C-alpha atoms as a PDB file:
ATOM      1  CA  MET A   1       9.930 -11.388  92.235  1.00  0.00           C
ATOM      2  CA  ILE A   2       9.933  -9.784  88.800  1.00  0.00           C
ATOM      3  CA  SER A   3       8.952  -6.124  88.839  1.00  0.00           C
ATOM      4  CA  PRO A   4       7.036  -4.586  85.865  1.00  0.00           C
ATOM      5  CA  SER A   5       8.909  -2.590  83.375  1.00  0.00           C
ATOM      6  CA  SER A   6       8.009   0.936  82.918  1.00  0.00           C
ATOM      7  CA  GLY A   7       7.161   2.288  79.696  1.00  0.00           C
ATOM      8  CA  SER A   8       5.142   0.784  76.820  1.00  0.00           C
ATOM      9  CA  ALA A   9       4.165  -2.848  77.097  1.00  0.00           C
ATOM     10  CA  THR A  10       5.462  -5.186  74.511  1.00  0.00           C
ATOM     11  CA  PRO A  11       2.621  -6.393  72.186  1.00  0.00           C
ATOM     12  CA  VAL A  12       1.541 -10.059  72.299  1.00  0.00           C
ATOM     13  CA  ALA A  13       2.163 -11.586  68.721  1.00  0.00           C
ATOM     14  CA  ARG A  14      -0.759 -12.971  67.116  1.00  0.00           C
ATOM     15  CA  PRO A  15      -1.060 -15.674  64.419  1.00  0.00           C
ATOM     16  CA  GLY A  16      -0.695 -14.224  60.673  1.00  0.00           C
ATOM     17  CA  ALA A  17       0.414 -10.628  62.027  1.00  0.00           C
ATOM     18  CA  LYS A  18       3.819 -10.836  59.802  1.00  0.00           C
ATOM     19  CA  PHE A  19       2.080 -12.484  56.764  1.00  0.00           C
ATOM     20  CA  LEU A  20      -0.534  -9.380  56.417  1.00  0.00           C
ATOM     21  CA  PRO A  21       1.994  -6.645  55.845  1.00  0.00           C
ATOM     22  CA  LEU A  22       3.746  -9.286  53.186  1.00  0.00           C
ATOM     23  CA  LEU A  23       0.334 -10.138  51.514  1.00  0.00           C
ATOM     24  CA  GLY A  24      -0.305  -6.153  51.149  1.00  0.00           C
ATOM     25  CA  ILE A  25       3.190  -5.617  49.491  1.00  0.00           C
ATOM     26  CA  PHE A  26       2.559  -8.627  47.383  1.00  0.00           C
ATOM     27  CA  LEU A  27      -0.639  -7.198  46.155  1.00  0.00           C
ATOM     28  CA  VAL A  28       0.341  -3.792  45.441  1.00  0.00           C
ATOM     29  CA  THR A  29       3.536  -5.167  43.664  1.00  0.00           C
ATOM     30  CA  GLY A  30       1.457  -7.495  41.616  1.00  0.00           C
ATOM     31  CA  GLY A  31      -0.904  -4.561  40.876  1.00  0.00           C
ATOM     32  CA  PHE A  32       2.098  -2.601  39.319  1.00  0.00           C
ATOM     33  CA  LEU A  33       3.051  -5.738  37.167  1.00  0.00           C
ATOM     34  CA  LEU A  34      -0.448  -6.044  36.200  1.00  0.00           C
ATOM     35  CA  LEU A  35      -0.780  -2.455  35.081  1.00  0.00           C
ATOM     36  CA  GLY A  36       2.681  -2.519  33.257  1.00  0.00           C
ATOM     37  CA  TRP A  37       1.522  -5.751  31.475  1.00  0.00           C
ATOM     38  CA  LEU A  38      -1.795  -4.135  30.376  1.00  0.00           C
ATOM     39  CA  ALA A  39       0.020  -0.878  29.218  1.00  0.00           C
ATOM     40  CA  TYR A  40       2.269  -3.200  27.125  1.00  0.00           C
ATOM     41  CA  VAL A  41      -0.611  -5.141  25.646  1.00  0.00           C
ATOM     42  CA  SER A  42      -2.381  -2.012  24.613  1.00  0.00           C
ATOM     43  CA  LEU A  43       0.818  -0.382  23.123  1.00  0.00           C
ATOM     44  CA  SER A  44       1.990  -3.526  21.326  1.00  0.00           C
ATOM     45  CA  PRO A  45       1.034  -3.508  17.630  1.00  0.00           C
ATOM     46  CA  GLY A  46      -0.115  -7.391  17.874  1.00  0.00           C
ATOM     47  CA  PRO A  47       0.104  -9.420  14.819  1.00  0.00           C
ATOM     48  CA  ALA A  48       0.101  -8.412  11.401  1.00  0.00           C
ATOM     49  CA  PRO A  49      -3.049  -9.502   9.316  1.00  0.00           C
ATOM     50  CA  TYR A  50      -0.878 -11.410   6.927  1.00  0.00           C
ATOM     51  CA  HIS A  51       2.261 -13.691   6.841  1.00  0.00           C
ATOM     52  CA  TYR A  52       4.799 -14.957   4.388  1.00  0.00           C
ATOM     53  CA  LYS A  53       5.144 -18.631   3.728  1.00  0.00           C
ATOM     54  CA  LEU A  54       8.154 -20.266   2.548  1.00  0.00           C
ATOM     55  CA  VAL A  55       6.972 -22.839  -0.069  1.00  0.00           C
ATOM     56  CA  ASP A  56      10.244 -23.470  -2.046  1.00  0.00           C
ATOM     57  CA  GLU A  57      14.002 -22.719  -2.170  1.00  0.00           C
ATOM     58  CA  GLY A  58      17.067 -23.845  -4.192  1.00  0.00           C
ATOM     59  CA  GLY A  59      19.495 -22.538  -6.611  1.00  0.00           C
ATOM     60  CA  VAL A  60      18.713 -20.542  -9.812  1.00  0.00           C
ATOM     61  CA  ASP A  61      18.456 -24.108 -11.899  1.00  0.00           C
ATOM     62  CA  LYS A  62      15.564 -25.097  -9.694  1.00  0.00           C
ATOM     63  CA  PHE A  63      13.841 -21.929 -10.676  1.00  0.00           C
ATOM     64  CA  ASP A  64      14.934 -21.484 -14.379  1.00  0.00           C
ATOM     65  CA  LYS A  65      11.731 -19.739 -15.425  1.00  0.00           C
ATOM     66  CA  LEU A  66      13.231 -16.784 -13.686  1.00  0.00           C
ATOM     67  CA  GLY A  67      16.005 -16.458 -16.155  1.00  0.00           C
ATOM     68  CA  LEU A  68      18.756 -16.258 -13.710  1.00  0.00           C
ATOM     69  CA  LYS A  69      21.541 -18.652 -15.153  1.00  0.00           C
ATOM     70  CA  ALA A  70      23.797 -15.797 -15.438  1.00  0.00           C
ATOM     71  CA  TRP A  71      23.811 -15.612 -11.408  1.00  0.00           C
ATOM     72  CA  PRO A  72      24.791 -19.305 -10.449  1.00  0.00           C
ATOM     73  CA  ASP A  73      25.702 -18.192  -7.053  1.00  0.00           C
ATOM     74  CA  LEU A  74      22.278 -16.827  -5.961  1.00  0.00           C
ATOM     75  CA  ALA A  75      20.143 -18.644  -3.518  1.00  0.00           C
ATOM     76  CA  ILE A  76      16.322 -18.544  -4.578  1.00  0.00           C
ATOM     77  CA  SER A  77      13.316 -18.607  -2.191  1.00  0.00           C
ATOM     78  CA  LYS A  78       9.643 -18.536  -3.300  1.00  0.00           C
ATOM     79  CA  TYR A  79       7.107 -17.281  -0.966  1.00  0.00           C
ATOM     80  CA  GLU A  80       3.318 -17.240  -0.613  1.00  0.00           C
ATOM     81  CA  VAL A  81       1.528 -14.187   0.940  1.00  0.00           C
ATOM     82  CA  HIS A  82      -1.441 -15.600   3.280  1.00  0.00           C
ATOM     83  CA  VAL A  83      -4.264 -13.667   4.860  1.00  0.00           C
ATOM     84  CA  GLN A  84      -6.177 -15.043   7.738  1.00  0.00           C
ATOM     85  CA  GLY A  85      -9.577 -16.426   6.513  1.00  0.00           C
ATOM     86  CA  VAL A  86      -8.472 -16.562   2.958  1.00  0.00           C
ATOM     87  CA  ASP A  87      -7.914 -20.161   1.612  1.00  0.00           C
ATOM     88  CA  LYS A  88      -5.438 -19.085  -1.484  1.00  0.00           C
ATOM     89  CA  PRO A  89      -2.262 -16.906  -1.382  1.00  0.00           C
ATOM     90  CA  VAL A  90      -3.135 -13.453  -2.204  1.00  0.00           C
ATOM     91  CA  ALA A  91       0.277 -12.930  -3.576  1.00  0.00           C
ATOM     92  CA  VAL A  92       3.468 -14.666  -4.920  1.00  0.00           C
ATOM     93  CA  ALA A  93       7.090 -13.472  -4.759  1.00  0.00           C
ATOM     94  CA  HIS A  94      10.653 -14.592  -5.345  1.00  0.00           C
ATOM     95  CA  LEU A  95      13.566 -13.682  -3.416  1.00  0.00           C
ATOM     96  CA  ALA A  96      17.196 -13.800  -4.009  1.00  0.00           C
ATOM     97  CA  LYS A  97      20.474 -13.541  -1.794  1.00  0.00           C
ATOM     98  CA  ARG A  98      23.983 -14.106  -2.195  1.00  0.00           C
ATOM     99  CA  GLY A  99      25.918 -15.530   0.735  1.00  0.00           C
ATOM    100  CA  GLU A 100      24.816 -13.980   4.245  1.00  0.00           C
ATOM    101  CA  ALA A 101      23.647 -10.812   2.669  1.00  0.00           C
ATOM    102  CA  PRO A 102      19.937  -9.813   3.343  1.00  0.00           C
ATOM    103  CA  PRO A 103      17.222 -11.222   0.571  1.00  0.00           C
ATOM    104  CA  VAL A 104      16.271  -9.040  -2.136  1.00  0.00           C
ATOM    105  CA  LEU A 105      12.701  -9.132  -3.617  1.00  0.00           C
ATOM    106  CA  LEU A 106      12.979 -10.284  -7.279  1.00  0.00           C
ATOM    107  CA  ASP A 107       9.436 -10.174  -8.452  1.00  0.00           C
ATOM    108  CA  TRP A 108       5.905 -10.032  -6.900  1.00  0.00           C
ATOM    109  CA  GLU A 109       2.686 -11.095  -8.317  1.00  0.00           C
ATOM    110  CA  SER A 110      -0.809 -10.054  -6.819  1.00  0.00           C
ATOM    111  CA  ARG A 111      -3.521 -12.516  -6.824  1.00  0.00           C
ATOM    112  CA  THR A 112      -5.942  -9.925  -5.736  1.00  0.00           C
ATOM    113  CA  SER A 113      -6.920  -6.547  -7.121  1.00  0.00           C
ATOM    114  CA  GLU A 114      -5.627  -4.832  -3.817  1.00  0.00           C
ATOM    115  CA  LEU A 115      -2.008  -4.156  -3.257  1.00  0.00           C
ATOM    116  CA  ILE A 116      -0.534  -5.630  -0.131  1.00  0.00           C
ATOM    117  CA  THR A 117       2.956  -4.634   0.928  1.00  0.00           C
ATOM    118  CA  SER A 118       4.536  -4.425  -2.498  1.00  0.00           C
ATOM    119  CA  VAL A 119       3.385  -3.774  -6.263  1.00  0.00           C
ATOM    120  CA  ASP A 120       3.564  -6.224  -9.179  1.00  0.00           C
ATOM    121  CA  SER A 121       6.861  -6.579 -10.649  1.00  0.00           C
ATOM    122  CA  LYS A 122       8.318  -8.910 -13.450  1.00  0.00           C
ATOM    123  CA  SER A 123      11.527 -10.632 -13.090  1.00  0.00           C
ATOM    124  CA  SER A 124      11.612 -10.995 -16.899  1.00  0.00           C
ATOM    125  CA  GLU A 125      11.533  -7.184 -17.343  1.00  0.00           C
ATOM    126  CA  LEU A 126      14.248  -7.002 -14.650  1.00  0.00           C
ATOM    127  CA  ILE A 127      16.552  -9.388 -16.234  1.00  0.00           C
ATOM    128  CA  THR A 128      16.540  -7.383 -19.554  1.00  0.00           C
ATOM    129  CA  LEU A 129      16.884  -4.234 -17.562  1.00  0.00           C
ATOM    130  CA  VAL A 130      20.024  -5.138 -15.833  1.00  0.00           C
ATOM    131  CA  ALA A 131      21.581  -6.955 -18.968  1.00  0.00           C
ATOM    132  CA  ALA A 132      21.042  -3.253 -20.687  1.00  0.00           C
ATOM    133  CA  ILE A 133      22.869  -1.745 -17.602  1.00  0.00           C
ATOM    134  CA  THR A 134      25.698  -3.842 -17.516  1.00  0.00           C
ATOM    135  CA  LYS A 135      26.204  -3.550 -21.196  1.00  0.00           C
ATOM    136  CA  HIS A 136      25.980   0.270 -21.496  1.00  0.00           C
ATOM    137  CA  ALA A 137      26.491   1.912 -18.215  1.00  0.00           C
ATOM    138  CA  PRO A 138      30.120   2.418 -17.258  1.00  0.00           C
ATOM    139  CA  GLU A 139      31.232   0.552 -14.026  1.00  0.00           C
ATOM    140  CA  ASP A 140      32.245   3.700 -12.255  1.00  0.00           C
ATOM    141  CA  SER A 141      28.847   5.378 -12.816  1.00  0.00           C
ATOM    142  CA  ILE A 142      25.873   5.295 -10.121  1.00  0.00           C
ATOM    143  CA  ILE A 143      22.266   4.523 -10.587  1.00  0.00           C
ATOM    144  CA  LEU A 144      19.483   6.279  -9.112  1.00  0.00           C
ATOM    145  CA  ALA A 145      16.222   4.444  -8.555  1.00  0.00           C
ATOM    146  CA  TRP A 146      13.604   3.574  -5.953  1.00  0.00           C
ATOM    147  CA  TRP A 147      15.201   1.641  -2.998  1.00  0.00           C
ATOM    148  CA  ASP A 148      13.498  -1.800  -4.102  1.00  0.00           C
ATOM    149  CA  THR A 149      14.623  -1.322  -7.611  1.00  0.00           C
ATOM    150  CA  SER A 150      18.166  -0.155  -6.359  1.00  0.00           C
ATOM    151  CA  ARG A 151      18.702  -3.380  -4.603  1.00  0.00           C
ATOM    152  CA  GLN A 152      17.842  -5.547  -7.445  1.00  0.00           C
ATOM    153  CA  ILE A 153      20.294  -3.706  -9.702  1.00  0.00           C
ATOM    154  CA  LYS A 154      23.074  -3.732  -7.247  1.00  0.00           C
ATOM    155  CA  LEU A 155      22.278  -7.574  -6.673  1.00  0.00           C
ATOM    156  CA  LEU A 156      22.405  -8.315 -10.321  1.00  0.00           C
ATOM    157  CA  THR A 157      24.894  -5.896 -11.827  1.00  0.00           C
ATOM    158  CA  GLY A 158      27.284  -4.925  -9.055  1.00  0.00           C
ATOM    159  CA  ARG A 159      26.839  -1.384 -10.017  1.00  0.00           C
ATOM    160  CA  ASP A 160      26.823   1.259  -7.340  1.00  0.00           C
ATOM    161  CA  THR A 161      23.363   2.499  -6.359  1.00  0.00           C
ATOM    162  CA  LEU A 162      22.033   5.120  -4.305  1.00  0.00           C
ATOM    163  CA  PHE A 163      20.277   2.595  -1.980  1.00  0.00           C
ATOM    164  CA  SER A 164      21.451  -0.688  -0.894  1.00  0.00           C
ATOM    165  CA  SER A 165      19.084  -1.303   2.123  1.00  0.00           C
ATOM    166  CA  HIS A 166      15.704  -2.362   2.569  1.00  0.00           C
ATOM    167  CA  HIS A 167      13.645   0.627   3.707  1.00  0.00           C
ATOM    168  CA  GLY A 168      10.080  -0.424   3.821  1.00  0.00           C
ATOM    169  CA  GLU A 169       8.357   2.775   2.756  1.00  0.00           C
ATOM    170  CA  PRO A 170       6.126   3.509   1.798  1.00  0.00           C
ATOM    171  CA  VAL A 171       3.854   0.809   3.763  1.00  0.00           C
ATOM    172  CA  ILE A 172       1.648  -0.403   0.814  1.00  0.00           C
ATOM    173  CA  ILE A 173      -1.776  -1.822   2.630  1.00  0.00           C
ATOM    174  CA  PRO A 174      -5.528  -1.677   1.628  1.00  0.00           C
ATOM    175  CA  THR A 175      -7.212   1.229   3.208  1.00  0.00           C
ATOM    176  CA  HIS A 176      -9.297  -0.975   5.826  1.00  0.00           C
ATOM    177  CA  TRP A 177      -5.797  -2.463   7.294  1.00  0.00           C
ATOM    178  CA  SER A 178      -4.816   1.153   8.460  1.00  0.00           C
ATOM    179  CA  GLU A 179      -5.382   0.125  12.089  1.00  0.00           C
ATOM    180  CA  TYR A 180      -2.642  -2.714  11.502  1.00  0.00           C
ATOM    181  CA  SER A 181       0.066  -0.399  10.054  1.00  0.00           C
ATOM    182  CA  ASP A 182       2.322  -0.400  13.208  1.00  0.00           C
ATOM    183  CA  ALA A 183       1.793  -4.322  13.165  1.00  0.00           C
ATOM    184  CA  ILE A 184       2.743  -4.570   9.705  1.00  0.00           C
ATOM    185  CA  LYS A 185       5.661  -2.296   9.946  1.00  0.00           C
ATOM    186  CA  LYS A 186       7.068  -4.376  12.793  1.00  0.00           C
ATOM    187  CA  TYR A 187       6.579  -7.509  10.890  1.00  0.00           C
ATOM    188  CA  GLU A 188       8.117  -6.364   7.779  1.00  0.00           C
ATOM    189  CA  GLN A 189      11.136  -5.125   9.634  1.00  0.00           C
ATOM    190  CA  GLU A 190      11.339  -8.710  11.227  1.00  0.00           C
ATOM    191  CA  PHE A 191      11.273 -10.288   8.020  1.00  0.00           C
ATOM    192  CA  TRP A 192      13.480  -8.278   5.999  1.00  0.00           C
ATOM    193  CA  GLY A 193      16.259  -7.509   8.771  1.00  0.00           C
ATOM    194  CA  ALA A 194      17.744  -4.166  10.096  1.00  0.00           C
ATOM    195  CA  PRO A 195      16.272  -0.824   9.027  1.00  0.00           C
ATOM    196  CA  ALA A 196      18.107   1.303   6.566  1.00  0.00           C
ATOM    197  CA  PRO A 197      20.749   3.618   7.923  1.00  0.00           C
ATOM    198  CA  ALA A 198      19.869   7.109   8.840  1.00  0.00           C
ATOM    199  CA  GLU A 199      21.780   8.442   5.718  1.00  0.00           C
ATOM    200  CA  GLU A 200      20.044   6.468   3.489  1.00  0.00           C
ATOM    201  CA  ARG A 201      16.856   7.356   4.791  1.00  0.00           C
ATOM    202  CA  ARG A 202      17.718  11.088   4.356  1.00  0.00           C
ATOM    203  CA  LYS A 203      18.500  10.232   0.779  1.00  0.00           C
ATOM    204  CA  LEU A 204      15.276   8.602   0.055  1.00  0.00           C
ATOM    205  CA  GLN A 205      13.583  11.673   1.244  1.00  0.00           C
ATOM    206  CA  ARG A 206      15.792  13.935  -0.937  1.00  0.00           C
ATOM    207  CA  PHE A 207      15.230  11.370  -4.078  1.00  0.00           C
ATOM    208  CA  THR A 208      11.280  11.456  -3.283  1.00  0.00           C
ATOM    209  CA  ASP A 209      11.949  15.530  -3.505  1.00  0.00           C
ATOM    210  CA  ALA A 210      13.399  15.262  -6.672  1.00  0.00           C
ATOM    211  CA  LEU A 211      10.591  13.139  -8.268  1.00  0.00           C
ATOM    212  CA  VAL A 212       7.697  15.117  -7.043  1.00  0.00           C
ATOM    213  CA  ALA A 213       9.261  18.477  -8.074  1.00  0.00           C
ATOM    214  CA  ASN A 214       8.760  20.110 -11.359  1.00  0.00           C
ATOM    215  CA  VAL A 215      11.200  18.809 -14.045  1.00  0.00           C
ATOM    216  CA  ASP A 216      14.092  21.465 -13.864  1.00  0.00           C
ATOM    217  CA  LYS A 217      14.213  21.487 -10.105  1.00  0.00           C
ATOM    218  CA  GLY A 218      13.861  17.744  -9.732  1.00  0.00           C
ATOM    219  CA  ALA A 219      16.688  17.160 -12.242  1.00  0.00           C
ATOM    220  CA  GLY A 220      18.715  19.679 -10.173  1.00  0.00           C
ATOM    221  CA  ILE A 221      18.273  17.419  -6.983  1.00  0.00           C
ATOM    222  CA  LEU A 222      19.079  14.320  -8.832  1.00  0.00           C
ATOM    223  CA  ARG A 223      22.542  15.740  -9.865  1.00  0.00           C
ATOM    224  CA  GLU A 224      22.951  16.781  -6.423  1.00  0.00           C
ATOM    225  CA  LEU A 225      22.587  13.584  -5.256  1.00  0.00           C
ATOM    226  CA  SER A 226      24.590  11.775  -7.770  1.00  0.00           C
ATOM    227  CA  GLY A 227      27.601  14.150  -7.447  1.00  0.00           C
ATOM    228  CA  SER A 228      30.256  14.331 -10.155  1.00  0.00           C
ATOM    229  CA  ARG A 229      29.817  10.861 -11.529  1.00  0.00           C
ATOM    230  CA  GLU A 230      28.073   9.673 -14.522  1.00  0.00           C
ATOM    231  CA  ALA A 231      24.740   8.720 -13.597  1.00  0.00           C
ATOM    232  CA  TYR A 232      21.555   7.365 -14.561  1.00  0.00           C
ATOM    233  CA  VAL A 233      17.643   7.394 -12.903  1.00  0.00           C
ATOM    234  CA  VAL A 234      15.403   4.340 -13.573  1.00  0.00           C
ATOM    235  CA  VAL A 235      12.040   4.742 -12.838  1.00  0.00           C
ATOM    236  CA  HIS A 236       9.209   2.434 -13.136  1.00  0.00           C
ATOM    237  CA  VAL A 237       5.267   2.783 -13.671  1.00  0.00           C
ATOM    238  CA  THR A 238       4.749   1.587  -9.984  1.00  0.00           C
ATOM    239  CA  ASP A 239       6.964   4.242  -8.606  1.00  0.00           C
ATOM    240  CA  LEU A 240       3.979   6.646  -9.043  1.00  0.00           C
ATOM    241  CA  TYR A 241       2.069   4.774  -6.823  1.00  0.00           C
ATOM    242  CA  LYS A 242       4.680   4.603  -4.450  1.00  0.00           C
ATOM    243  CA  LEU A 243       5.267   8.370  -4.366  1.00  0.00           C
ATOM    244  CA  GLY A 244       1.515   8.816  -4.047  1.00  0.00           C
ATOM    245  CA  LEU A 245       1.677   7.305  -0.769  1.00  0.00           C
ATOM    246  CA  MET A 246       4.822   8.877   0.274  1.00  0.00           C
ATOM    247  CA  ARG A 247       3.496  12.405  -0.526  1.00  0.00           C
ATOM    248  CA  PRO A 248      -0.408  12.160  -0.645  1.00  0.00           C
ATOM    249  CA  ASP A 249      -0.771  16.068  -0.742  1.00  0.00           C
ATOM    250  CA  LEU A 250       1.094  16.265  -4.037  1.00  0.00           C
ATOM    251  CA  PHE A 251      -0.766  13.638  -5.929  1.00  0.00           C
ATOM    252  CA  ASP A 252      -4.418  12.678  -6.695  1.00  0.00           C
ATOM    253  CA  LEU A 253      -4.069   9.218  -8.261  1.00  0.00           C
ATOM    254  CA  ALA A 254      -6.053   5.990  -8.283  1.00  0.00           C
ATOM    255  CA  TYR A 255      -5.371   2.704 -10.147  1.00  0.00           C
ATOM    256  CA  LYS A 256      -7.744  -0.010 -11.394  1.00  0.00           C
ATOM    257  CA  ASN A 257      -7.083  -3.525 -13.202  1.00  0.00           C
ATOM    258  CA  PHE A 258      -8.633  -4.162 -16.570  1.00  0.00           C
ATOM    259  CA  PRO A 259      -8.874  -7.554 -18.198  1.00  0.00           C
ATOM    260  CA  MET A 260      -6.809  -7.943 -21.034  1.00  0.00           C
ATOM    261  CA  ASN A 261      -7.896  -9.436 -24.525  1.00  0.00           C
ATOM    262  CA  SER A 262      -5.298  -9.475 -26.857  1.00  0.00           C
ATOM    263  CA  GLY A 263      -7.557  -9.501 -30.017  1.00  0.00           C
ATOM    264  CA  ASN A 264      -9.400  -6.424 -28.607  1.00  0.00           C
ATOM    265  CA  MET A 265      -6.648  -3.838 -27.710  1.00  0.00           C
ATOM    266  CA  HIS A 266      -9.289  -1.046 -28.962  1.00  0.00           C
ATOM    267  CA  GLY A 267     -11.455  -2.280 -26.521  1.00  0.00           C
ATOM    268  CA  LEU A 268      -9.429  -2.197 -23.629  1.00  0.00           C
ATOM    269  CA  VAL A 269      -8.223   1.371 -24.441  1.00  0.00           C
ATOM    270  CA  ASN A 270     -11.852   2.639 -24.648  1.00  0.00           C
ATOM    271  CA  SER A 271     -12.588   0.989 -21.314  1.00  0.00           C
ATOM    272  CA  VAL A 272      -9.872   2.655 -19.629  1.00  0.00           C
ATOM    273  CA  LYS A 273     -10.530   6.199 -21.133  1.00  0.00           C
ATOM    274  CA  ARG A 274     -14.307   5.840 -20.184  1.00  0.00           C
ATOM    275  CA  TRP A 275     -13.382   5.093 -16.658  1.00  0.00           C
ATOM    276  CA  LYS A 276     -10.899   8.137 -16.550  1.00  0.00           C
ATOM    277  CA  VAL A 277     -13.700  10.482 -17.775  1.00  0.00           C
ATOM    278  CA  GLU A 278     -16.345   8.967 -15.666  1.00  0.00           C
ATOM    279  CA  ASN A 279     -14.258   9.638 -12.433  1.00  0.00           C
ATOM    280  CA  ASN A 280     -12.908  13.067 -13.566  1.00  0.00           C
ATOM    281  CA  TYR A 281      -9.266  11.931 -13.984  1.00  0.00           C
ATOM    282  CA  GLN A 282      -6.950  13.856 -16.293  1.00  0.00           C
ATOM    283  CA  THR A 283      -4.535  11.465 -17.667  1.00  0.00           C
ATOM    284  CA  TYR A 284      -3.434   7.791 -17.217  1.00  0.00           C
ATOM    285  CA  THR A 285      -0.772   5.209 -18.091  1.00  0.00           C
ATOM    286  CA  LEU A 286      -0.723   1.466 -17.966  1.00  0.00           C
ATOM    287  CA  GLN A 287       1.133  -1.511 -16.649  1.00  0.00           C
ATOM    288  CA  SER A 288       1.163  -4.989 -18.114  1.00  0.00           C
ATOM    289  CA  LEU A 289       0.418  -7.242 -15.123  1.00  0.00           C
ATOM    290  CA  SER A 290       0.053 -10.510 -17.496  1.00  0.00           C
ATOM    291  CA  ASP A 291      -1.296 -11.657 -20.749  1.00  0.00           C
ATOM    292  CA  ARG A 292      -4.609 -11.368 -19.310  1.00  0.00           C
ATOM    293  CA  ALA A 293      -4.651  -8.112 -17.295  1.00  0.00           C
ATOM    294  CA  VAL A 294      -3.479  -4.395 -17.321  1.00  0.00           C
ATOM    295  CA  ARG A 295      -3.470  -1.850 -14.529  1.00  0.00           C
ATOM    296  CA  ALA A 296      -4.094   1.796 -15.245  1.00  0.00           C
ATOM    297  CA  TYR A 297      -2.639   4.546 -13.253  1.00  0.00           C
ATOM    298  CA  PHE A 298      -4.808   7.677 -13.301  1.00  0.00           C
ATOM    299  CA  LEU A 299      -3.815  11.253 -12.302  1.00  0.00           C
ATOM    300  CA  ARG A 300      -6.048  14.236 -11.578  1.00  0.00           C
ATOM    301  CA  GLU A 301      -3.270  16.185 -10.101  1.00  0.00           C
ATOM    302  CA  GLY A 302       0.556  16.047 -10.122  1.00  0.00           C
ATOM    303  CA  GLN A 303       0.881  15.872 -14.023  1.00  0.00           C
ATOM    304  CA  ASN A 304       3.927  18.412 -14.078  1.00  0.00           C
ATOM    305  CA  THR A 305       5.986  16.499 -11.589  1.00  0.00           C
ATOM    306  CA  LEU A 306       9.304  15.024 -12.925  1.00  0.00           C
ATOM    307  CA  ILE A 307       8.228  11.340 -12.339  1.00  0.00           C
ATOM    308  CA  ALA A 308       4.858  12.093 -14.385  1.00  0.00           C
ATOM    309  CA  GLN A 309       6.835  13.495 -17.061  1.00  0.00           C
ATOM    310  CA  MET A 310       9.184  10.613 -17.102  1.00  0.00           C
ATOM    311  CA  LEU A 311       6.419   7.926 -17.551  1.00  0.00           C
ATOM    312  CA  PRO A 312       4.274   7.421 -20.802  1.00  0.00           C
ATOM    313  CA  PHE A 313       1.301   9.329 -19.396  1.00  0.00           C
ATOM    314  CA  THR A 314      -1.128  10.433 -22.118  1.00  0.00           C
ATOM    315  CA  ASP A 315      -0.194  13.961 -22.044  1.00  0.00           C
ATOM    316  CA  ALA A 316       3.538  13.477 -21.634  1.00  0.00           C
ATOM    317  CA  ARG A 317       6.359  13.049 -24.104  1.00  0.00           C
ATOM    318  CA  PRO A 318       9.564  11.481 -22.354  1.00  0.00           C
ATOM    319  CA  ILE A 319      11.547  11.647 -25.248  1.00  0.00           C
ATOM    320  CA  ASP A 320      11.341  15.402 -25.532  1.00  0.00           C
ATOM    321  CA  LEU A 321      12.752  15.970 -21.964  1.00  0.00           C
ATOM    322  CA  LYS A 322      16.166  17.880 -21.925  1.00  0.00           C
ATOM    323  CA  ALA A 323      16.684  18.028 -18.058  1.00  0.00           C
ATOM    324  CA  VAL A 324      17.039  14.411 -18.273  1.00  0.00           C
ATOM    325  CA  GLN A 325      17.562  12.353 -21.217  1.00  0.00           C
ATOM    326  CA  LEU A 326      15.745   9.100 -22.184  1.00  0.00           C
ATOM    327  CA  ILE A 327      18.350   6.324 -23.138  1.00  0.00           C
ATOM    328  CA  TYR A 328      16.329   2.906 -22.948  1.00  0.00           C
ATOM    329  CA  GLN A 329      12.863   1.787 -21.987  1.00  0.00           C
ATOM    330  CA  HIS A 330      11.722  -1.737 -21.348  1.00  0.00           C
ATOM    331  CA  GLY A 331       8.359  -2.969 -20.210  1.00  0.00           C
ATOM    332  CA  GLY A 332       7.524  -0.653 -17.150  1.00  0.00           C
ATOM    333  CA  TYR A 333      11.188   0.384 -16.762  1.00  0.00           C
ATOM    334  CA  TRP A 334      12.158   3.862 -18.154  1.00  0.00           C
ATOM    335  CA  VAL A 335      16.022   4.802 -17.820  1.00  0.00           C
ATOM    336  CA  TYR A 336      17.332   8.253 -18.141  1.00  0.00           C
ATOM    337  CA  LYS A 337      21.078   9.970 -18.167  1.00  0.00           C
ATOM    338  CA  ILE A 338      21.283  12.793 -15.727  1.00  0.00           C
ATOM    339  CA  PRO A 339      23.256  15.495 -17.863  1.00  0.00           C
ATOM    340  CA  SER A 340      26.534  16.764 -15.765  1.00  0.00           C
ATOM    341  CA  ARG A 341      26.471  20.166 -14.571  1.00  0.00           C
ATOM    342  CA  GLU A 342      29.306  20.866 -16.941  1.00  0.00           C
ATOM    343  CA  SER A 343      27.212  19.495 -20.077  1.00  0.00           C
ATOM    344  CA  PRO A 344      24.135  21.436 -20.352  1.00  0.00           C
ATOM    345  CA  ALA A 345      20.781  19.471 -21.637  1.00  0.00           C
ATOM    346  CA  GLY A 346      20.050  19.501 -25.223  1.00  0.00           C
END
């Protein structure tokens, strides 16, 4: 006879009893995974509202209109910028690279009045600029310019420049795309490669400080950045717009495209002046976009900054500057020599 054991009875196993705790664990774990995925989706910037489309590539001979025969080792790529819902490209650009180095933007042509990721620039003006730098700037000199211009100059002249990396600053997008700014930054970095090193980013902020300061203070910062070497600073009309985005509290500016009729330059100037007065701006300068259009940049505040005094605004005289000395001008580019500390300006 089997005597009953004392203490608690052993429970009888029921079908599914082991499955229920496992199901609970699965549901809880799945819930955490779902919450994590939802958090990732909510924080992910999503896709940019545009994309670059490669439409052609080859050597410099294939792109003879760019005037790059002096650089036969370059590989050229042509890209179109496409926006969802728009049939035609909103911009066209050419990129150049040497070997395995990251690509450098050579030129940019907007097909719309709104600026998207870059500003208009002409390779023909750039080629003329770098030819002058190669001829007149000593090989051991340093060139100070905005990071995109710096990369172009370094690629085509071999001269030392303050910047050699792609910075992606400022983010140039239409106002109604502001909600996509994180997605755009992510897409741009994926396209152009690794971000600029910290030291270059620091120098970019310091270079910005120089251009938005008054003339004497700004020139002093430029000398600080160039050290004891012979140094030149190159500015372009479009740099003003970039600086306005970098330091919006210091500039009150706008831009507007105007049709250009070569037979009626007087009419163009009158149209620009009228728009300036009607919108309460103080001064303006022009950028040639093509044979058919110009872009006017208008300033309401910031006329006394170094950058505004270095560019041909209606109330500025670049040739009279002493803190930096104008030595060359072509198209939208203005080149100044930075006097050394030992040789006072004048």
